[in-house]
Amino acid sequence: MNLLMVIFGLVAILAVVGTFQAIKEKNLLSVVFNVLSAAVFGWFVIMTVINSGYPTKLH
């Protein structure tokens, strides 16, 4: 589960970057989907860190 949290964290970060690019291009539908993706994946990462703690080294 911890590795999945790291992947979802990267997805949330990329969604934030995509939001700024979509705002620059004035693409409203892309802004909406990027904000929703960042919110959902970011919330999952935050709640997982609170519940399970930060992932340890893999090996």
C-alpha atoms as a PDB file:
ATOM      1  CA  MET A   1       0.000   0.000   0.000  1.00  0.00           C
ATOM      2  CA  ASN A   2       2.870   2.354   0.695  1.00  0.00           C
ATOM      3  CA  LEU A   3       4.276   2.165  -2.826  1.00  0.00           C
ATOM      4  CA  LEU A   4       0.814   2.851  -4.213  1.00  0.00           C
ATOM      5  CA  MET A   5       0.697   5.986  -2.049  1.00  0.00           C
ATOM      6  CA  VAL A   6       3.936   7.223  -3.615  1.00  0.00           C
ATOM      7  CA  ILE A   7       2.563   6.646  -7.114  1.00  0.00           C
ATOM      8  CA  PHE A   8      -0.682   8.445  -6.255  1.00  0.00           C
ATOM      9  CA  GLY A   9       1.373  11.314  -4.832  1.00  0.00           C
ATOM     10  CA  LEU A  10       3.188  11.656  -8.141  1.00  0.00           C
ATOM     11  CA  VAL A  11      -0.147  11.620  -9.985  1.00  0.00           C
ATOM     12  CA  ALA A  12      -1.440  14.411  -7.727  1.00  0.00           C
ATOM     13  CA  ILE A  13       1.682  16.505  -8.364  1.00  0.00           C
ATOM     14  CA  LEU A  14       1.373  16.019 -12.117  1.00  0.00           C
ATOM     15  CA  ALA A  15      -2.301  16.976 -11.939  1.00  0.00           C
ATOM     16  CA  VAL A  16      -1.347  20.260 -10.268  1.00  0.00           C
ATOM     17  CA  VAL A  17       1.224  20.922 -13.006  1.00  0.00           C
ATOM     18  CA  GLY A  18      -1.406  20.080 -15.626  1.00  0.00           C
ATOM     19  CA  THR A  19      -3.817  22.499 -13.993  1.00  0.00           C
ATOM     20  CA  PHE A  20      -1.408  25.394 -14.421  1.00  0.00           C
ATOM     21  CA  GLN A  21      -0.742  24.432 -18.045  1.00  0.00           C
ATOM     22  CA  ALA A  22      -4.479  24.216 -18.723  1.00  0.00           C
ATOM     23  CA  ILE A  23      -5.051  27.630 -17.143  1.00  0.00           C
ATOM     24  CA  LYS A  24      -2.321  29.053 -19.353  1.00  0.00           C
ATOM     25  CA  GLU A  25      -4.011  27.527 -22.431  1.00  0.00           C
ATOM     26  CA  LYS A  26      -7.490  28.602 -21.187  1.00  0.00           C
ATOM     27  CA  ASN A  27      -8.872  25.063 -21.415  1.00  0.00           C
ATOM     28  CA  LEU A  28     -11.721  24.948 -18.903  1.00  0.00           C
ATOM     29  CA  LEU A  29     -12.564  21.241 -19.171  1.00  0.00           C
ATOM     30  CA  SER A  30      -8.943  20.281 -18.597  1.00  0.00           C
ATOM     31  CA  VAL A  31      -8.752  22.594 -15.584  1.00  0.00           C
ATOM     32  CA  VAL A  32     -11.816  20.930 -14.049  1.00  0.00           C
ATOM     33  CA  PHE A  33     -10.506  17.385 -14.544  1.00  0.00           C
ATOM     34  CA  ASN A  34      -7.022  18.273 -13.320  1.00  0.00           C
ATOM     35  CA  VAL A  35      -8.326  19.973 -10.181  1.00  0.00           C
ATOM     36  CA  LEU A  36     -10.608  17.031  -9.413  1.00  0.00           C
ATOM     37  CA  SER A  37      -7.777  14.544  -9.972  1.00  0.00           C
ATOM     38  CA  ALA A  38      -5.381  16.503  -7.784  1.00  0.00           C
ATOM     39  CA  ALA A  39      -8.010  16.758  -5.046  1.00  0.00           C
ATOM     40  CA  VAL A  40      -8.938  13.067  -5.053  1.00  0.00           C
ATOM     41  CA  PHE A  41      -5.417  11.668  -5.298  1.00  0.00           C
ATOM     42  CA  GLY A  42      -4.005  14.267  -2.928  1.00  0.00           C
ATOM     43  CA  TRP A  43      -6.681  13.540  -0.338  1.00  0.00           C
ATOM     44  CA  PHE A  44      -5.947   9.825  -0.598  1.00  0.00           C
ATOM     45  CA  VAL A  45      -2.219  10.444  -0.044  1.00  0.00           C
ATOM     46  CA  ILE A  46      -2.813  12.755   2.928  1.00  0.00           C
ATOM     47  CA  MET A  47      -5.223  10.337   4.609  1.00  0.00           C
ATOM     48  CA  THR A  48      -2.875   7.403   4.010  1.00  0.00           C
ATOM     49  CA  VAL A  49       0.041   9.287   5.586  1.00  0.00           C
ATOM     50  CA  ILE A  50      -2.100  10.187   8.589  1.00  0.00           C
ATOM     51  CA  ASN A  51      -3.430   6.652   8.971  1.00  0.00           C
ATOM     52  CA  SER A  52      -0.383   4.499   8.086  1.00  0.00           C
ATOM     53  CA  GLY A  53       2.564   6.840   8.305  1.00  0.00           C
ATOM     54  CA  TYR A  54       5.146   7.703   5.687  1.00  0.00           C
ATOM     55  CA  PRO A  55       6.478   4.703   3.719  1.00  0.00           C
ATOM     56  CA  THR A  56       9.793   3.266   4.851  1.00  0.00           C
ATOM     57  CA  LYS A  57      12.647   2.269   2.574  1.00  0.00           C
ATOM     58  CA  LEU A  58      11.630  -0.503   0.227  1.00  0.00           C
ATOM     59  CA  HIS A  59      14.770  -2.652   0.713  1.00  0.00           C
END
